[in-house]
Protein backbone atom coordinates (compact mmCIF):
# COMPACT_ATOMS: atom_id res chain seq x y z
CA MET A 1 -33.34 2.73 14.68
CA ILE A 2 -32.10 6.30 14.90
CA LEU A 3 -32.24 8.41 11.78
CA ILE A 4 -29.79 11.28 11.53
CA THR A 5 -30.45 13.38 8.47
CA ASN A 6 -27.80 16.08 8.64
CA LEU A 7 -24.77 13.81 8.30
CA HIS A 8 -23.02 13.06 5.04
CA VAL A 9 -20.93 10.00 4.18
CA ASN A 10 -17.92 12.26 3.53
CA ASP A 11 -18.13 14.28 6.76
CA GLN A 12 -14.91 14.17 8.76
CA ASP A 13 -13.86 13.95 12.38
CA TYR A 14 -10.45 15.46 13.15
CA GLY A 15 -9.25 12.37 15.01
CA TRP A 16 -10.65 9.72 12.67
CA GLY A 17 -11.21 11.19 9.20
CA THR A 18 -14.18 10.16 7.04
CA SER A 19 -16.33 7.10 7.58
CA LEU A 20 -14.12 5.32 5.04
CA HIS A 21 -11.05 6.14 7.15
CA VAL A 22 -12.84 4.61 10.16
CA ALA A 23 -13.62 1.46 8.16
CA VAL A 24 -9.91 1.19 7.32
CA TRP A 25 -8.90 1.75 10.97
CA CYS A 26 -11.31 -1.07 11.91
CA ASP A 27 -10.01 -3.36 9.11
CA SER A 28 -13.57 -3.86 7.86
CA LEU A 29 -13.72 -4.78 4.19
CA ALA A 30 -17.51 -5.12 4.48
CA ALA A 31 -17.82 -1.52 5.72
CA VAL A 32 -15.48 -0.33 2.95
CA GLU A 33 -17.71 -2.06 0.37
CA GLU A 34 -20.87 -0.47 1.82
CA LEU A 35 -19.34 2.99 1.95
CA LEU A 36 -17.99 2.81 -1.60
CA GLY A 37 -21.45 1.71 -2.72
CA ALA A 38 -22.95 4.69 -0.90
CA GLY A 39 -20.71 7.08 -2.80
CA THR A 40 -18.04 7.95 -0.27
CA ASP A 41 -14.99 9.78 -1.60
CA ALA A 42 -12.21 7.18 -1.75
CA LEU A 43 -9.63 9.93 -2.27
CA ALA A 44 -10.64 12.20 0.63
CA VAL A 45 -7.60 13.30 2.61
CA SER A 46 -8.01 13.23 6.39
CA ILE A 47 -8.02 16.63 8.07
CA ASP A 48 -5.73 15.54 10.90
CA ASP A 49 -1.96 16.06 10.99
CA SER A 50 -1.22 12.96 8.89
CA ALA A 51 -3.35 14.15 5.92
CA LEU A 52 -3.75 10.65 4.45
CA PRO A 53 -6.30 9.36 1.96
CA PRO A 54 -7.93 6.03 2.95
CA MET A 55 -5.68 4.02 0.63
CA ALA A 56 -2.50 5.42 2.18
CA LEU A 57 -3.91 4.72 5.65
CA ALA A 58 -4.70 1.12 4.63
CA ALA A 59 -1.16 0.76 3.25
CA ARG A 60 0.29 2.14 6.49
CA ARG A 61 -1.79 -0.30 8.55
CA GLY A 62 -1.12 -3.27 6.25
CA HIS A 63 -4.64 -4.21 5.08
CA PRO A 64 -4.14 -5.94 1.69
CA ALA A 65 -7.78 -6.84 0.97
CA ILE A 66 -8.94 -3.28 1.63
CA LEU A 67 -6.09 -1.91 -0.45
CA GLN A 68 -6.97 -4.08 -3.40
CA ARG A 69 -10.62 -2.98 -3.22
CA LEU A 70 -9.72 0.72 -2.96
CA TRP A 71 -7.20 0.33 -5.80
CA GLN A 72 -9.94 -1.16 -8.00
CA HIS A 73 -12.34 1.65 -7.10
CA ALA A 74 -10.09 4.63 -7.88
CA ARG A 75 -7.94 4.91 -11.00
CA PRO A 76 -4.21 4.87 -10.12
CA GLU A 77 -3.65 8.17 -11.93
CA SER A 78 -5.88 9.84 -9.36
CA HIS A 79 -3.96 8.73 -6.29
CA ALA A 80 -0.59 7.18 -7.15
CA ASN A 81 1.32 10.44 -6.75
CA GLY A 82 -0.27 11.28 -3.40
CA PRO A 83 -2.51 14.14 -2.37
CA LYS A 84 -1.73 17.51 -3.94
CA GLY A 85 1.22 19.13 -2.25
CA ASN A 86 2.11 15.99 -0.32
CA PRO A 87 3.73 13.40 -2.61
CA PHE A 88 5.22 11.45 0.29
CA GLN A 89 1.78 10.36 1.49
CA THR A 90 1.27 7.89 -1.33
CA CYS A 91 0.08 4.37 -0.70
CA LEU A 92 3.41 3.05 -1.97
CA VAL A 93 5.52 5.21 0.35
CA GLN A 94 3.32 4.40 3.35
CA ALA A 95 3.53 0.64 2.72
CA ALA A 96 7.31 0.78 2.38
CA ALA A 97 7.82 3.11 5.35
CA TYR A 98 5.82 0.85 7.65
CA GLY A 99 7.55 -2.36 6.56
CA HIS A 100 4.82 -3.86 4.38
CA VAL A 101 7.18 -5.02 1.63
CA SER A 102 4.72 -7.41 -0.02
CA ILE A 103 2.10 -4.65 -0.25
CA ALA A 104 4.64 -2.23 -1.75
CA ALA A 105 5.57 -4.91 -4.29
CA ASP A 106 1.86 -5.43 -5.09
CA PHE A 107 1.43 -1.72 -5.80
CA LEU A 108 4.38 -1.78 -8.16
CA ASP A 109 2.92 -4.82 -9.95
CA TRP A 110 -0.62 -3.41 -10.20
CA TRP A 111 0.25 -0.34 -12.26
CA ASP A 112 2.65 0.46 -15.10
CA GLY A 113 2.78 4.21 -14.43
CA TRP A 114 5.47 4.22 -11.76
CA THR A 115 8.80 5.86 -12.50
CA VAL A 116 11.86 3.85 -13.57
CA GLY A 117 13.44 4.52 -10.17
CA LEU A 118 10.49 2.96 -8.37
CA ARG A 119 10.54 -0.02 -10.70
CA THR A 120 14.23 -0.52 -9.88
CA SER A 121 13.36 -0.33 -6.20
CA ARG A 122 10.75 -3.04 -6.75
CA THR A 123 13.37 -5.34 -8.24
CA ASN A 124 15.72 -4.61 -5.37
CA LEU A 125 12.97 -5.35 -2.82
CA ARG A 126 12.02 -8.57 -4.53
CA TYR A 127 15.57 -9.93 -4.71
CA GLY A 128 16.97 -8.39 -1.52
CA LEU A 129 19.41 -6.13 -3.35
CA GLN A 130 20.70 -2.86 -1.90
């Protein structure tokens, strides 16, 4: 076993993000659970060009089990409107933009704090209305 003492669970790599981002990229719910238990920052925004928090990355990649776990870990008020200065990087927008309609609908069902416009969009998605 190799022990590295100068690394922190929230350290970032430009290409991958934090260890939690890597767990999302690898679709590993077990790793996500371990990292959350170790105190990783579930709201850390990646330092690459996409500037996504782990939940938005999971929504983009379509990982529902990871999304549900991250949603339970962080209060919606802390992430639902996206990272500061970048409201279009929300989990909801990422799910919709990458064609994960059922995940976008889940987000809209999981929280009552969305705007009326987003709620209308949810109804339209659910019933195939334009």
